[in-house]
Amino acid sequence: MRESSPRLSSMTPRKSESRLVLRLTHDNAEALAAALTTEADFSITDGTLEVIESAGSLVDLRARWNTLMRGLIASELVLGVAGDDE
């Protein structure tokens, strides 16, 4: 199964843009991706979440990376707490 965020298909990096790609495998990849819906471009394939970020400068890319990581960490913590209740 492959899902993509709506912004992913329209994203074409410009030559001056900095870009990063993060791939991670997680039992709840779909839940992590849901938390990123408004934050980043992503796709999910067989439990692997691929997040793509780009920015006009390295400073902006670093800021986007920090935002992305805070969102993923918060989502992981929530999933862990929710998993403890089951």
Protein backbone atom coordinates (compact mmCIF):
# COMPACT_ATOMS: atom_id res chain seq x y z
CA MET A 1 0.00 0.00 0.00
CA ARG A 2 1.35 3.45 -0.90
CA GLU A 3 -0.05 6.74 0.38
CA SER A 4 1.25 10.19 -0.41
CA SER A 5 0.57 13.59 1.02
CA PRO A 6 -1.23 15.95 -1.37
CA ARG A 7 1.75 18.33 -1.50
CA LEU A 8 4.23 15.61 -2.55
CA SER A 9 3.14 15.36 -6.17
CA SER A 10 3.35 19.11 -6.77
CA MET A 11 6.76 19.61 -5.21
CA THR A 12 9.59 20.24 -7.66
CA PRO A 13 12.81 21.40 -6.02
CA ARG A 14 14.49 24.45 -7.47
CA LYS A 15 18.22 24.38 -8.08
CA SER A 16 18.87 26.76 -5.17
CA GLU A 17 16.86 24.71 -2.67
CA SER A 18 18.33 22.51 0.01
CA ARG A 19 16.57 19.17 0.38
CA LEU A 20 16.48 16.26 2.80
CA VAL A 21 14.82 12.88 2.74
CA LEU A 22 14.14 10.94 5.95
CA ARG A 23 13.07 7.29 5.80
CA LEU A 24 11.96 5.44 8.90
CA THR A 25 10.19 2.20 9.65
CA HIS A 26 7.65 2.15 12.45
CA ASP A 27 4.80 -0.14 13.54
CA ASN A 28 2.51 2.92 13.47
CA ALA A 29 3.92 4.69 10.40
CA GLU A 30 0.41 5.72 9.33
CA ALA A 31 -0.22 7.43 12.67
CA LEU A 32 3.10 9.27 12.50
CA ALA A 33 2.30 10.36 8.95
CA ALA A 34 -1.11 11.64 10.06
CA ALA A 35 0.63 13.90 12.53
CA LEU A 36 2.72 15.33 9.68
CA THR A 37 -0.14 16.02 7.28
CA THR A 38 0.18 19.80 7.58
CA GLU A 39 3.93 19.83 8.28
CA ALA A 40 5.73 17.97 5.49
CA ASP A 41 5.53 16.02 2.27
CA PHE A 42 5.55 12.28 2.89
CA SER A 43 4.74 8.88 1.51
CA ILE A 44 4.15 5.53 3.20
CA THR A 45 5.11 2.21 1.67
CA ASP A 46 4.81 -1.05 3.61
CA GLY A 47 5.31 0.53 7.03
CA THR A 48 8.14 2.82 5.90
CA LEU A 49 7.52 6.54 6.20
CA GLU A 50 9.49 8.74 3.81
CA VAL A 51 9.48 12.45 4.62
CA ILE A 52 10.75 15.00 2.13
CA GLU A 53 11.63 18.54 3.12
CA SER A 54 13.09 21.36 1.09
CA ALA A 55 13.86 25.00 1.75
CA GLY A 56 15.52 27.93 0.05
CA SER A 57 18.49 27.88 2.43
CA LEU A 58 20.20 25.59 4.90
CA VAL A 59 19.02 27.80 7.76
CA ASP A 60 15.41 27.36 6.65
CA LEU A 61 15.92 23.62 6.12
CA ARG A 62 17.31 23.31 9.64
CA ALA A 63 14.22 25.06 11.02
CA ARG A 64 11.97 22.70 9.03
CA TRP A 65 13.99 19.71 10.31
CA ASN A 66 13.56 20.87 13.92
CA THR A 67 9.80 21.27 13.43
CA LEU A 68 9.59 17.85 11.82
CA MET A 69 11.56 16.17 14.61
CA ARG A 70 9.48 17.83 17.35
CA GLY A 71 6.31 16.58 15.66
CA LEU A 72 7.63 13.03 15.27
CA ILE A 73 8.91 12.89 18.85
CA ALA A 74 5.60 14.16 20.25
CA SER A 75 3.66 11.68 18.11
CA GLU A 76 5.89 8.80 19.22
CA LEU A 77 5.40 9.75 22.88
CA VAL A 78 1.63 9.90 22.47
CA LEU A 79 1.60 6.53 20.70
CA GLY A 80 3.66 5.08 23.54
CA VAL A 81 1.27 6.37 26.20
CA ALA A 82 -1.75 5.17 24.23
CA GLY A 83 -0.10 1.78 23.82
CA ASP A 84 0.40 1.49 27.59
CA ASP A 85 -3.37 1.84 28.12
CA GLU A 86 -4.22 -1.14 25.97
